[in-house]
N, C-alpha and C. Protein backbone atom coordinates (compact mmCIF):
# COMPACT_ATOMS: atom_id res chain seq x y z
N MET A 1 32.12 5.92 -2.78
CA MET A 1 30.78 4.73 -2.05
C MET A 1 29.99 4.57 -3.50
N PRO A 2 30.09 3.52 -3.78
CA PRO A 2 28.48 3.61 -4.89
C PRO A 2 27.33 3.83 -4.94
N SER A 3 26.77 3.96 -5.61
CA SER A 3 25.10 4.60 -5.64
C SER A 3 24.95 3.53 -5.82
N ASN A 4 23.30 3.07 -4.59
CA ASN A 4 22.34 2.35 -5.51
C ASN A 4 21.34 2.42 -5.82
N LYS A 5 21.42 3.99 -6.20
CA LYS A 5 19.91 5.02 -6.55
C LYS A 5 19.83 4.36 -8.09
N ARG A 6 18.28 3.79 -8.98
CA ARG A 6 18.63 3.26 -9.37
C ARG A 6 16.79 3.45 -10.19
N ILE A 7 16.40 3.52 -11.67
CA ILE A 7 15.00 3.91 -12.24
C ILE A 7 14.14 2.34 -13.04
N ILE A 8 13.34 1.76 -12.70
CA ILE A 8 13.59 0.83 -13.16
C ILE A 8 12.10 1.20 -13.99
N LYS A 9 12.21 1.28 -15.19
CA LYS A 9 11.37 1.24 -16.43
C LYS A 9 10.87 -0.04 -17.42
N ALA A 10 9.44 -0.19 -17.30
CA ALA A 10 9.65 -1.73 -17.67
C ALA A 10 8.02 -1.21 -17.45
N ALA A 11 7.05 -2.31 -18.98
CA ALA A 11 6.18 -2.61 -19.41
C ALA A 11 4.34 -2.47 -18.11
N ALA A 12 3.26 -1.88 -18.19
CA ALA A 12 2.79 -2.60 -16.93
C ALA A 12 2.80 -4.32 -17.23
N GLY A 13 1.98 -4.26 -15.41
CA GLY A 13 2.40 -5.91 -15.32
C GLY A 13 2.99 -6.76 -15.35
N THR A 14 4.30 -5.85 -15.44
CA THR A 14 5.60 -6.94 -15.30
C THR A 14 6.35 -7.01 -14.27
N GLY A 15 5.94 -6.68 -12.98
CA GLY A 15 6.45 -7.44 -12.17
C GLY A 15 7.38 -6.26 -11.21
N LYS A 16 7.32 -4.27 -11.86
CA LYS A 16 8.21 -3.34 -11.55
C LYS A 16 7.76 -3.54 -9.85
N THR A 17 5.90 -3.30 -9.63
CA THR A 17 6.29 -3.56 -8.06
C THR A 17 6.52 -4.69 -7.29
N THR A 18 5.97 -5.79 -7.82
CA THR A 18 6.55 -6.49 -6.70
C THR A 18 8.03 -7.03 -6.49
N LEU A 19 8.97 -6.47 -7.57
CA LEU A 19 10.14 -6.68 -7.12
C LEU A 19 10.42 -5.96 -5.90
N LEU A 20 10.08 -4.62 -6.59
CA LEU A 20 10.50 -3.81 -5.70
C LEU A 20 10.14 -3.53 -3.74
N ILE A 21 8.52 -4.47 -4.13
CA ILE A 21 8.07 -4.77 -2.59
C ILE A 21 9.21 -5.60 -2.34
N GLY A 22 9.48 -6.54 -3.09
CA GLY A 22 10.22 -7.83 -2.69
C GLY A 22 11.59 -7.35 -1.81
N GLU A 23 12.23 -6.63 -2.65
CA GLU A 23 13.66 -6.28 -1.82
C GLU A 23 13.67 -5.29 -0.63
N ALA A 24 12.07 -3.72 -0.63
CA ALA A 24 12.12 -3.85 0.67
C ALA A 24 12.37 -4.39 1.77
N VAL A 25 11.49 -6.01 1.10
CA VAL A 25 11.28 -6.49 2.36
C VAL A 25 12.21 -7.18 2.76
N ARG A 26 12.77 -7.49 2.33
CA ARG A 26 14.47 -8.55 2.33
C ARG A 26 15.35 -7.21 3.32
N ASN A 27 15.60 -5.84 2.53
CA ASN A 27 16.37 -4.62 2.76
C ASN A 27 16.08 -4.07 3.61
N TYR A 28 14.95 -2.99 4.38
CA TYR A 28 14.15 -2.84 5.12
C TYR A 28 14.73 -1.72 6.47
N ASN A 29 15.61 -2.58 6.91
CA ASN A 29 16.50 -2.35 7.64
C ASN A 29 17.82 -2.04 7.18
N GLU A 30 18.32 -1.93 6.17
CA GLU A 30 19.62 -1.34 6.07
C GLU A 30 19.95 0.30 5.29
N GLY A 31 18.86 0.64 5.74
CA GLY A 31 18.10 2.14 5.02
C GLY A 31 17.54 3.00 4.96
N LYS A 32 17.31 4.02 3.51
CA LYS A 32 15.41 4.46 3.70
C LYS A 32 15.47 4.08 2.08
N VAL A 33 14.05 3.76 1.92
CA VAL A 33 14.18 3.23 0.75
C VAL A 33 12.79 5.07 -0.03
N LEU A 34 12.31 5.21 -1.06
CA LEU A 34 11.77 6.24 -1.22
C LEU A 34 11.79 4.98 -2.55
N TYR A 35 10.18 4.89 -2.82
CA TYR A 35 9.82 4.98 -4.25
C TYR A 35 8.61 5.36 -4.31
N LEU A 36 8.16 6.07 -5.93
CA LEU A 36 7.88 6.77 -6.82
C LEU A 36 6.23 6.13 -7.97
N THR A 37 5.34 6.21 -7.76
CA THR A 37 5.16 6.07 -8.88
C THR A 37 3.89 6.56 -9.36
N TYR A 38 3.01 6.19 -10.70
CA TYR A 38 2.90 7.10 -11.50
C TYR A 38 0.55 7.89 -10.68
N THR A 39 0.49 6.54 -9.84
CA THR A 39 -0.56 6.29 -10.31
C THR A 39 -1.55 5.95 -8.86
N ASN A 40 -2.14 6.49 -7.73
CA ASN A 40 -2.64 6.06 -6.55
C ASN A 40 -2.67 4.58 -6.31
N ALA A 41 -3.33 3.60 -7.27
CA ALA A 41 -4.03 2.40 -7.05
C ALA A 41 -2.56 2.19 -7.43
N ASN A 42 -1.38 2.12 -8.35
CA ASN A 42 -0.25 1.93 -7.58
C ASN A 42 0.23 1.53 -6.41
N LEU A 43 0.05 2.95 -5.99
CA LEU A 43 0.38 3.84 -4.48
C LEU A 43 0.12 2.90 -3.22
N ASN A 44 -1.46 2.40 -3.57
CA ASN A 44 -2.52 1.88 -2.42
C ASN A 44 -1.78 0.47 -2.56
N SER A 45 -1.18 -0.12 -3.46
CA SER A 45 -0.90 -1.43 -3.63
C SER A 45 0.55 -1.71 -2.83
N MET A 46 1.50 -0.71 -3.38
CA MET A 46 2.35 -0.93 -2.87
C MET A 46 2.38 -0.73 -1.79
N LYS A 47 1.44 -0.50 -1.06
CA LYS A 47 1.22 -0.06 0.39
C LYS A 47 1.24 -1.27 1.43
N TYR A 48 -0.02 -1.98 0.45
CA TYR A 48 -0.78 -3.07 0.90
C TYR A 48 -0.27 -3.96 1.40
N ASP A 49 1.08 -4.07 -0.20
CA ASP A 49 2.05 -5.17 -0.37
C ASP A 49 3.10 -5.24 1.05
N LEU A 50 3.75 -4.21 0.77
CA LEU A 50 4.67 -4.11 2.30
C LEU A 50 3.55 -4.36 3.70
N MET A 51 2.48 -4.05 3.86
CA MET A 51 1.51 -4.58 5.21
C MET A 51 1.24 -5.92 5.07
N ASP A 52 1.61 -6.25 4.25
CA ASP A 52 0.84 -8.02 4.14
C ASP A 52 2.53 -8.93 4.63
N SER A 53 3.69 -8.38 4.09
CA SER A 53 4.57 -8.76 4.23
C SER A 53 5.17 -8.31 5.48
N VAL A 54 5.23 -7.06 6.16
CA VAL A 54 6.31 -6.90 7.65
C VAL A 54 5.04 -6.75 8.63
N GLY A 55 3.97 -6.09 8.04
CA GLY A 55 3.02 -6.03 9.17
C GLY A 55 2.97 -4.88 9.40
N VAL A 56 4.03 -3.68 9.21
CA VAL A 56 3.28 -2.70 8.87
C VAL A 56 4.24 -1.88 7.49
N ILE A 57 4.21 -0.15 7.90
CA ILE A 57 5.46 0.07 6.58
C ILE A 57 6.20 1.28 7.06
N PRO A 58 7.69 0.40 7.25
CA PRO A 58 8.38 0.97 8.34
C PRO A 58 8.50 2.08 7.95
N SER A 59 8.78 2.86 9.18
CA SER A 59 9.17 4.47 8.82
C SER A 59 10.28 4.74 7.75
N ASN A 60 11.71 3.90 7.33
CA ASN A 60 12.73 4.42 6.97
C ASN A 60 12.19 3.70 5.41
N ILE A 61 10.86 3.36 5.01
CA ILE A 61 10.41 3.54 3.72
C ILE A 61 9.25 3.97 2.85
N LYS A 62 9.48 5.17 2.24
CA LYS A 62 8.81 6.33 2.06
C LYS A 62 7.72 6.15 0.26
N CYS A 63 7.07 5.92 0.36
CA CYS A 63 5.76 5.63 -1.08
C CYS A 63 5.07 7.12 -1.67
N LYS A 64 5.35 7.96 -2.81
CA LYS A 64 4.54 8.32 -2.76
C LYS A 64 4.29 8.26 -3.94
N THR A 65 3.30 9.16 -5.06
CA THR A 65 3.06 9.06 -6.07
C THR A 65 4.31 10.33 -7.42
N TRP A 66 4.77 10.48 -8.37
CA TRP A 66 5.11 11.70 -8.63
C TRP A 66 4.37 12.74 -8.36
N THR A 67 3.41 13.24 -7.99
CA THR A 67 2.09 14.60 -8.26
C THR A 67 2.98 14.68 -6.59
N GLU A 68 2.84 14.02 -5.55
CA GLU A 68 2.88 14.59 -4.28
C GLU A 68 4.41 14.35 -3.80
N PHE A 69 5.68 13.99 -4.94
CA PHE A 69 6.92 14.36 -4.41
C PHE A 69 6.85 15.45 -5.11
N LEU A 70 6.65 15.76 -6.47
CA LEU A 70 6.67 17.08 -7.52
C LEU A 70 6.58 18.38 -6.04
N LEU A 71 5.32 17.59 -5.36
CA LEU A 71 4.40 19.06 -4.98
C LEU A 71 5.27 19.32 -3.65
N ASN A 72 4.87 18.45 -3.23
CA ASN A 72 5.98 18.50 -0.89
C ASN A 72 7.47 18.26 -1.76
N GLU A 73 8.38 18.73 -2.31
CA GLU A 73 10.05 18.15 -1.92
C GLU A 73 10.20 19.37 -3.01
N GLY A 74 9.31 20.31 -4.14
CA GLY A 74 9.81 21.02 -4.80
C GLY A 74 8.98 21.99 -4.93
N ALA A 75 7.55 22.48 -5.74
CA ALA A 75 7.01 22.93 -4.98
C ALA A 75 6.14 23.70 -4.71
N ARG A 76 6.22 23.19 -3.10
CA ARG A 76 5.63 23.88 -2.07
C ARG A 76 7.05 24.71 -1.89
N PRO A 77 8.14 23.93 -1.04
CA PRO A 77 9.41 24.32 -0.52
C PRO A 77 9.39 25.39 -1.05
N TYR A 78 9.96 25.62 -2.25
CA TYR A 78 10.52 26.95 -3.35
C TYR A 78 9.70 27.64 -4.24
N ARG A 79 7.74 27.04 -3.83
CA ARG A 79 7.37 28.39 -4.72
C ARG A 79 7.76 29.93 -4.86
N LYS A 80 8.60 30.36 -3.46
CA LYS A 80 9.16 31.62 -3.30
C LYS A 80 9.90 32.27 -4.38
N VAL A 81 10.79 30.85 -4.46
CA VAL A 81 11.89 31.16 -5.86
C VAL A 81 11.13 31.49 -6.51
N MET A 82 10.07 31.10 -7.41
CA MET A 82 9.31 32.28 -8.31
C MET A 82 8.79 33.43 -7.84
N GLY A 83 8.35 33.23 -6.73
CA GLY A 83 7.38 34.29 -6.46
C GLY A 83 6.18 34.15 -5.45
N GLY A 84 5.66 32.91 -6.15
CA GLY A 84 4.63 32.38 -6.41
C GLY A 84 3.64 31.95 -4.29
N PRO A 85 2.19 32.67 -4.83
CA PRO A 85 1.77 32.61 -3.21
C PRO A 85 1.58 30.74 -2.76
N GLU A 86 1.19 31.15 -1.58
CA GLU A 86 0.83 29.87 -1.20
C GLU A 86 0.20 28.98 -2.13
N ILE A 87 0.19 27.06 -2.08
CA ILE A 87 -0.40 26.28 -3.00
C ILE A 87 -1.31 26.03 -2.88
N GLU A 88 -2.56 26.41 -3.28
CA GLU A 88 -3.70 25.98 -2.61
C GLU A 88 -4.43 24.19 -2.92
N GLY A 89 -4.06 23.86 -4.48
CA GLY A 89 -4.10 22.26 -4.71
C GLY A 89 -3.36 21.95 -5.77
N ILE A 90 -4.07 20.96 -6.33
CA ILE A 90 -3.81 20.74 -7.91
C ILE A 90 -5.30 21.02 -8.53
N ASN A 91 -5.37 22.14 -9.90
CA ASN A 91 -5.34 22.05 -10.88
C ASN A 91 -5.26 20.92 -11.40
N PHE A 92 -6.40 19.76 -12.13
CA PHE A 92 -6.72 19.12 -12.62
C PHE A 92 -6.84 19.28 -14.06
N CYS A 93 -7.05 20.05 -14.91
CA CYS A 93 -7.30 20.19 -16.08
C CYS A 93 -6.25 19.74 -17.17
N SER A 94 -7.53 19.14 -18.07
CA SER A 94 -6.49 19.25 -19.38
C SER A 94 -5.19 20.92 -19.94
N LEU A 95 -3.81 20.55 -20.61
CA LEU A 95 -3.56 21.56 -20.52
C LEU A 95 -4.08 22.56 -21.73
N GLY A 96 -5.30 21.63 -22.51
CA GLY A 96 -5.80 22.58 -23.12
C GLY A 96 -6.88 23.60 -23.16
N GLU A 97 -7.20 23.37 -21.32
CA GLU A 97 -7.99 24.14 -20.22
C GLU A 97 -7.12 24.69 -19.98
N ILE A 98 -6.25 25.42 -19.79
CA ILE A 98 -5.72 26.12 -19.11
C ILE A 98 -5.81 27.54 -20.04
N PRO A 99 -6.23 28.73 -19.61
CA PRO A 99 -6.33 30.10 -20.11
C PRO A 99 -4.49 30.71 -20.17
N ARG A 100 -4.84 31.23 -21.23
CA ARG A 100 -3.63 31.42 -22.13
C ARG A 100 -3.76 33.27 -21.38
N LEU A 101 -2.38 33.85 -20.96
CA LEU A 101 -2.64 34.49 -20.17
C LEU A 101 -1.66 35.74 -21.37
N LYS A 102 -2.08 37.20 -21.18
CA LYS A 102 -1.48 37.82 -22.49
C LYS A 102 -0.09 38.23 -21.18
N GLY A 103 0.76 38.14 -21.81
CA GLY A 103 2.01 38.51 -20.76
C GLY A 103 2.91 37.32 -20.27
N VAL A 104 2.54 36.81 -19.90
CA VAL A 104 2.56 35.07 -18.54
C VAL A 104 3.46 34.32 -19.39
N THR A 105 4.35 34.44 -18.80
CA THR A 105 5.25 33.28 -19.96
C THR A 105 5.42 32.10 -18.39
N ALA A 106 6.70 31.25 -18.35
CA ALA A 106 6.62 29.83 -17.87
C ALA A 106 8.07 30.86 -17.07
N THR A 107 8.24 31.80 -17.08
CA THR A 107 9.74 32.05 -16.49
C THR A 107 8.33 33.78 -15.40
N ASN A 108 7.58 33.58 -15.46
CA ASN A 108 6.38 33.98 -14.37
C ASN A 108 5.52 32.97 -14.02
N TRP A 109 5.60 33.17 -12.59
CA TRP A 109 4.56 31.72 -11.45
C TRP A 109 3.37 32.23 -11.92
N ARG A 110 2.63 33.11 -12.24
CA ARG A 110 1.20 33.13 -12.66
C ARG A 110 1.02 31.50 -13.83
N TYR A 111 1.61 31.52 -15.30
CA TYR A 111 2.06 30.18 -15.71
C TYR A 111 1.24 28.99 -14.89
N TYR A 112 1.88 29.51 -14.06
CA TYR A 112 1.72 27.58 -13.40
C TYR A 112 0.54 27.34 -12.22
N TYR A 113 -0.10 28.67 -11.75
CA TYR A 113 -1.28 28.80 -11.09
C TYR A 113 -2.84 29.39 -11.72
N ASP A 114 -3.51 28.71 -11.48
CA ASP A 114 -5.47 28.65 -11.22
C ASP A 114 -5.64 30.13 -10.56
N PHE A 115 -6.64 30.88 -10.80
CA PHE A 115 -7.26 31.56 -10.32
C PHE A 115 -7.64 32.22 -8.66
N GLN A 116 -7.36 30.63 -8.63
CA GLN A 116 -8.32 29.85 -7.04
C GLN A 116 -6.54 29.62 -5.74
N GLY A 117 -5.35 29.86 -7.21
CA GLY A 117 -4.17 29.78 -6.27
C GLY A 117 -3.30 27.80 -6.50
N ARG A 118 -4.15 27.15 -7.06
CA ARG A 118 -4.09 26.13 -7.58
C ARG A 118 -3.02 26.00 -8.62
N LEU A 119 -1.52 25.08 -8.65
CA LEU A 119 -0.83 24.36 -10.07
C LEU A 119 -1.86 23.56 -10.68
N TYR A 120 -1.72 24.23 -11.72
CA TYR A 120 -1.92 22.60 -12.83
C TYR A 120 -1.27 22.07 -12.84
N TYR A 121 -1.49 20.89 -13.12
CA TYR A 121 -0.98 19.96 -12.79
C TYR A 121 0.07 19.14 -13.73
N GLU A 122 -1.00 20.22 -15.33
CA GLU A 122 -0.11 19.82 -16.45
C GLU A 122 1.70 20.51 -16.19
N ARG A 123 1.61 21.46 -15.71
CA ARG A 123 2.74 22.53 -15.12
C ARG A 123 3.29 22.61 -14.04
N LEU A 124 3.31 21.42 -13.80
CA LEU A 124 3.59 21.19 -11.89
C LEU A 124 4.96 20.34 -12.19
N ALA A 125 5.24 20.08 -12.97
CA ALA A 125 7.02 19.31 -13.33
C ALA A 125 7.95 20.51 -14.01
N GLN A 126 7.11 21.43 -14.51
CA GLN A 126 8.05 22.22 -15.49
C GLN A 126 8.06 22.46 -14.42
N PHE A 127 7.05 24.01 -13.86
CA PHE A 127 7.37 24.67 -11.88
C PHE A 127 8.53 24.06 -11.65
N CYS A 128 8.42 22.62 -11.19
CA CYS A 128 10.06 22.42 -10.20
C CYS A 128 10.89 22.28 -11.50
N TYR A 129 10.95 22.00 -12.71
CA TYR A 129 12.19 22.21 -13.27
C TYR A 129 12.86 23.46 -12.96
N VAL A 130 11.34 24.37 -13.38
CA VAL A 130 11.85 26.31 -13.73
C VAL A 130 12.83 26.30 -12.14
N ILE A 131 11.69 25.79 -11.38
CA ILE A 131 12.68 26.17 -9.13
C ILE A 131 14.11 25.99 -9.67
N LEU A 132 13.85 24.53 -9.75
CA LEU A 132 15.87 23.97 -10.04
C LEU A 132 16.43 25.08 -10.22
N GLU A 133 16.15 25.71 -11.55
CA GLU A 133 17.34 25.65 -12.08
C GLU A 133 17.67 27.22 -12.03
N ALA A 134 16.15 28.48 -11.04
CA ALA A 134 16.51 29.58 -10.70
C ALA A 134 16.98 29.38 -9.46
N SER A 135 17.30 28.36 -8.88
CA SER A 135 17.22 28.14 -7.14
C SER A 135 18.75 27.42 -7.54
N VAL A 136 19.38 27.01 -9.00
CA VAL A 136 20.54 27.05 -8.43
C VAL A 136 20.96 25.74 -7.99
N GLY A 137 19.45 24.56 -8.13
CA GLY A 137 20.08 22.88 -7.05
C GLY A 137 20.05 23.07 -6.12
N ALA A 138 18.67 24.18 -5.55
CA ALA A 138 19.16 23.56 -4.09
C ALA A 138 17.75 22.70 -3.67
N ILE A 139 16.68 22.25 -4.45
CA ILE A 139 15.49 21.26 -4.12
C ILE A 139 17.16 20.42 -4.26
N ILE A 140 17.70 19.93 -5.41
CA ILE A 140 18.21 18.79 -5.27
C ILE A 140 19.49 18.79 -3.60
N ASP A 141 19.98 20.09 -3.47
CA ASP A 141 20.83 19.65 -1.82
C ASP A 141 19.69 19.35 -0.96
N ARG A 142 18.42 20.13 -0.85
CA ARG A 142 17.17 19.67 0.03
C ARG A 142 17.02 18.43 0.06
N LEU A 143 16.79 18.06 -1.08
CA LEU A 143 15.96 16.15 -1.52
C LEU A 143 17.67 15.42 -1.07
N GLU A 144 19.56 16.03 -0.65
CA GLU A 144 20.30 14.79 -0.18
C GLU A 144 20.84 15.14 1.20
N LYS A 145 20.33 16.33 1.82
CA LYS A 145 20.21 16.72 2.57
C LYS A 145 19.00 15.95 3.49
N PHE A 146 18.20 16.38 3.38
CA PHE A 146 17.28 15.90 4.52
C PHE A 146 16.89 14.44 3.52
N HIS A 147 17.25 13.76 2.99
CA HIS A 147 17.05 12.32 2.53
C HIS A 147 18.67 11.86 2.44
N ASP A 148 18.96 12.10 2.86
CA ASP A 148 20.85 11.55 3.44
C ASP A 148 21.23 10.15 3.17
N SER A 149 20.05 9.88 3.92
CA SER A 149 20.24 7.56 3.39
C SER A 149 20.07 7.36 2.21
N TYR A 150 19.75 8.16 1.17
CA TYR A 150 18.48 8.21 0.03
C TYR A 150 19.55 7.26 -0.91
N ARG A 151 21.24 7.76 -0.42
CA ARG A 151 21.95 7.78 -1.85
C ARG A 151 21.77 6.04 -1.72
């Protein structure tokens, strides 16, 4: 069966959200849908448009920010692959504000955590990628199993 997965890249204001919400409303009974966006404003817009069109956010349509997706689908379930402790949240400091720890490299969980147990936002995607590599694709396997109908 051919995959219906796709990525839509376009400049701001070109109608990506309108297109996607329209498709979701027309096809929301046909399977599961996962929409990822970078901003909370766009996430709220997507949810509002769904509520306005359908009356509810259907249980088979998930809308998440990219950060929420990485944190909850990759970092939290697989942090132990890197030996990391519980994740207490996200530290949104800029890349230049992250302290350099002597002898700590990207292969060590301490590289990604601050002293309060929060993950550095600027290193979250890299943390998930390192976990993906170290776990020989366990994140992808989990996503395909957990979201089997998203294919």
